[in-house]
């Protein structure tokens, strides 16, 4: 069987991202390994209690992986929110919104009813989009 182990987000600053995901979201560190020979820090975080999946906080590539101009373009696109979206689910969107707001997460919008549930969104310090959804019962039955 093949399972998803990790997904990756590009980040501008790994330490800033680590502080956000652990301090503001309350996640835990799954791996923090520096590979000197590759000049790479493998930094993985994930939600407490959901052991089987992690989010790799990968720095925007620099030479030799990408030239300076391309790396700068990628960093700019990420800051604008074009790096993709991380979708999170919760049993109570309003309670999660209140808790995360109290920890300093700045939301783009309040929890809003949608055809599939209650939904809100925020961004991490690098600009990555994160959606937080309370999925309606009838949607859960279709999984």
Protein backbone atom coordinates (compact mmCIF):
# COMPACT_ATOMS: atom_id res chain seq x y z
CA UNK A 1 0.00 0.00 0.00
CA UNK A 2 1.19 3.52 -0.77
CA UNK A 3 0.35 6.28 1.75
CA UNK A 4 0.98 10.00 1.88
CA UNK A 5 3.73 10.65 4.43
CA UNK A 6 4.54 14.32 3.90
CA UNK A 7 3.56 17.32 1.83
CA UNK A 8 5.85 20.30 1.25
CA UNK A 9 5.44 24.05 1.58
CA UNK A 10 8.07 26.52 0.40
CA UNK A 11 8.97 28.94 3.17
CA UNK A 12 11.09 32.10 3.22
CA UNK A 13 12.57 31.45 6.66
CA UNK A 14 12.51 28.00 8.28
CA UNK A 15 12.91 29.33 11.83
CA UNK A 16 10.04 31.79 11.38
CA UNK A 17 7.88 29.04 9.85
CA UNK A 18 8.79 26.66 12.68
CA UNK A 19 7.76 29.26 15.28
CA UNK A 20 4.44 29.79 13.49
CA UNK A 21 3.51 26.14 13.04
CA UNK A 22 4.56 25.07 16.55
CA UNK A 23 3.77 28.23 18.52
CA UNK A 24 0.66 29.56 16.80
CA UNK A 25 -0.87 26.37 15.39
CA UNK A 26 0.31 24.17 18.25
CA UNK A 27 1.86 21.52 16.00
CA UNK A 28 4.88 19.41 16.87
CA UNK A 29 8.27 18.89 15.24
CA UNK A 30 8.51 15.54 13.45
CA UNK A 31 12.04 15.97 12.10
CA UNK A 32 14.70 18.68 12.19
CA UNK A 33 17.84 17.39 10.53
CA UNK A 34 20.61 19.37 8.88
CA UNK A 35 22.30 17.57 6.00
CA UNK A 36 25.60 19.39 5.66
CA UNK A 37 26.61 17.62 2.45
CA UNK A 38 23.47 18.93 0.72
CA UNK A 39 23.34 22.26 2.58
CA UNK A 40 19.76 21.34 3.48
CA UNK A 41 17.69 21.41 6.64
CA UNK A 42 14.91 18.78 6.58
CA UNK A 43 12.24 20.33 8.82
CA UNK A 44 8.93 18.51 9.24
CA UNK A 45 6.01 19.51 11.47
CA UNK A 46 2.56 18.03 11.98
CA UNK A 47 -0.59 18.24 14.05
CA UNK A 48 -0.42 16.66 17.50
CA UNK A 49 -2.32 13.35 17.43
CA UNK A 50 -2.04 12.86 13.66
CA UNK A 51 1.19 10.91 13.54
CA UNK A 52 1.04 9.59 9.99
CA UNK A 53 1.45 12.83 8.06
CA UNK A 54 3.76 15.82 8.15
CA UNK A 55 4.37 19.11 6.41
CA UNK A 56 7.92 19.73 5.21
CA UNK A 57 8.89 23.38 5.65
CA UNK A 58 11.34 23.64 2.76
CA UNK A 59 13.35 26.81 2.12
CA UNK A 60 12.91 28.50 -1.25
CA UNK A 61 15.68 26.99 -3.40
CA UNK A 62 18.83 28.89 -4.18
CA UNK A 63 21.78 28.03 -6.44
CA UNK A 64 22.63 25.47 -7.56
CA UNK A 65 19.02 24.18 -7.52
CA UNK A 66 17.62 27.47 -8.88
CA UNK A 67 19.46 30.53 -10.08
CA UNK A 68 19.05 33.70 -7.98
CA UNK A 69 16.49 35.31 -10.31
CA UNK A 70 14.26 32.22 -10.44
CA UNK A 71 14.50 31.74 -6.66
CA UNK A 72 13.48 35.37 -6.15
CA UNK A 73 10.52 34.92 -8.51
CA UNK A 74 9.40 31.82 -6.63
CA UNK A 75 9.73 33.60 -3.27
CA UNK A 76 7.63 36.49 -4.59
CA UNK A 77 4.91 34.16 -5.88
CA UNK A 78 4.77 32.33 -2.54
CA UNK A 79 4.44 35.65 -0.69
CA UNK A 80 1.43 36.43 -2.91
CA UNK A 81 -0.21 33.12 -1.97
CA UNK A 82 0.47 31.32 -5.26
CA UNK A 83 2.34 28.44 -3.64
CA UNK A 84 -0.68 26.20 -3.15
CA UNK A 85 -3.08 25.64 -0.27
CA UNK A 86 -2.96 23.49 2.84
CA UNK A 87 -6.45 22.26 3.78
CA UNK A 88 -7.13 21.54 7.46
CA UNK A 89 -10.29 20.05 8.97
CA UNK A 90 -11.78 20.63 12.39
CA UNK A 91 -14.90 19.48 14.23
CA UNK A 92 -15.70 23.06 15.30
CA UNK A 93 -14.53 25.84 13.00
CA UNK A 94 -15.63 28.68 15.28
CA UNK A 95 -13.86 27.21 18.34
CA UNK A 96 -10.67 26.61 16.31
CA UNK A 97 -10.89 30.15 14.90
CA UNK A 98 -11.24 31.59 18.42
CA UNK A 99 -8.36 29.49 19.80
CA UNK A 100 -5.98 30.25 16.93
CA UNK A 101 -6.91 33.95 16.94
CA UNK A 102 -6.02 34.06 20.64
CA UNK A 103 -2.59 32.59 19.73
CA UNK A 104 -1.99 35.36 17.21
CA UNK A 105 -3.13 33.79 13.93
CA UNK A 106 -4.57 36.52 11.69
CA UNK A 107 -7.47 35.23 9.60
CA UNK A 108 -8.48 36.50 6.17
CA UNK A 109 -12.17 36.09 6.95
CA UNK A 110 -14.43 34.87 9.77
CA UNK A 111 -15.86 31.34 9.75
CA UNK A 112 -18.43 31.41 6.96
CA UNK A 113 -21.12 28.86 6.03
CA UNK A 114 -20.44 27.22 2.66
CA UNK A 115 -22.32 24.44 0.81
CA UNK A 116 -19.80 21.89 2.18
CA UNK A 117 -19.46 23.21 5.74
CA UNK A 118 -18.04 26.16 7.64
CA UNK A 119 -14.81 27.60 6.29
CA UNK A 120 -12.17 30.25 7.01
CA UNK A 121 -8.60 30.95 5.91
CA UNK A 122 -5.28 32.43 6.94
CA UNK A 123 -1.70 32.56 5.70
CA UNK A 124 1.58 31.48 7.22
CA UNK A 125 4.45 34.01 7.48
CA UNK A 126 5.67 33.08 3.98
CA UNK A 127 2.26 33.67 2.38
CA UNK A 128 1.11 30.05 2.01
CA UNK A 129 -2.68 29.75 2.05
CA UNK A 130 -4.24 27.63 4.77
CA UNK A 131 -7.96 26.83 4.81
CA UNK A 132 -9.71 25.60 7.95
CA UNK A 133 -12.98 23.75 7.37
CA UNK A 134 -15.66 22.12 9.44
CA UNK A 135 -17.06 19.64 6.93
CA UNK A 136 -20.83 19.05 7.01
CA UNK A 137 -22.06 15.57 7.95
CA UNK A 138 -23.48 14.76 4.51
CA UNK A 139 -20.06 15.45 2.97
CA UNK A 140 -18.36 13.12 5.46
CA UNK A 141 -20.72 10.30 4.45
CA UNK A 142 -19.52 10.52 0.84
CA UNK A 143 -15.85 9.89 1.62
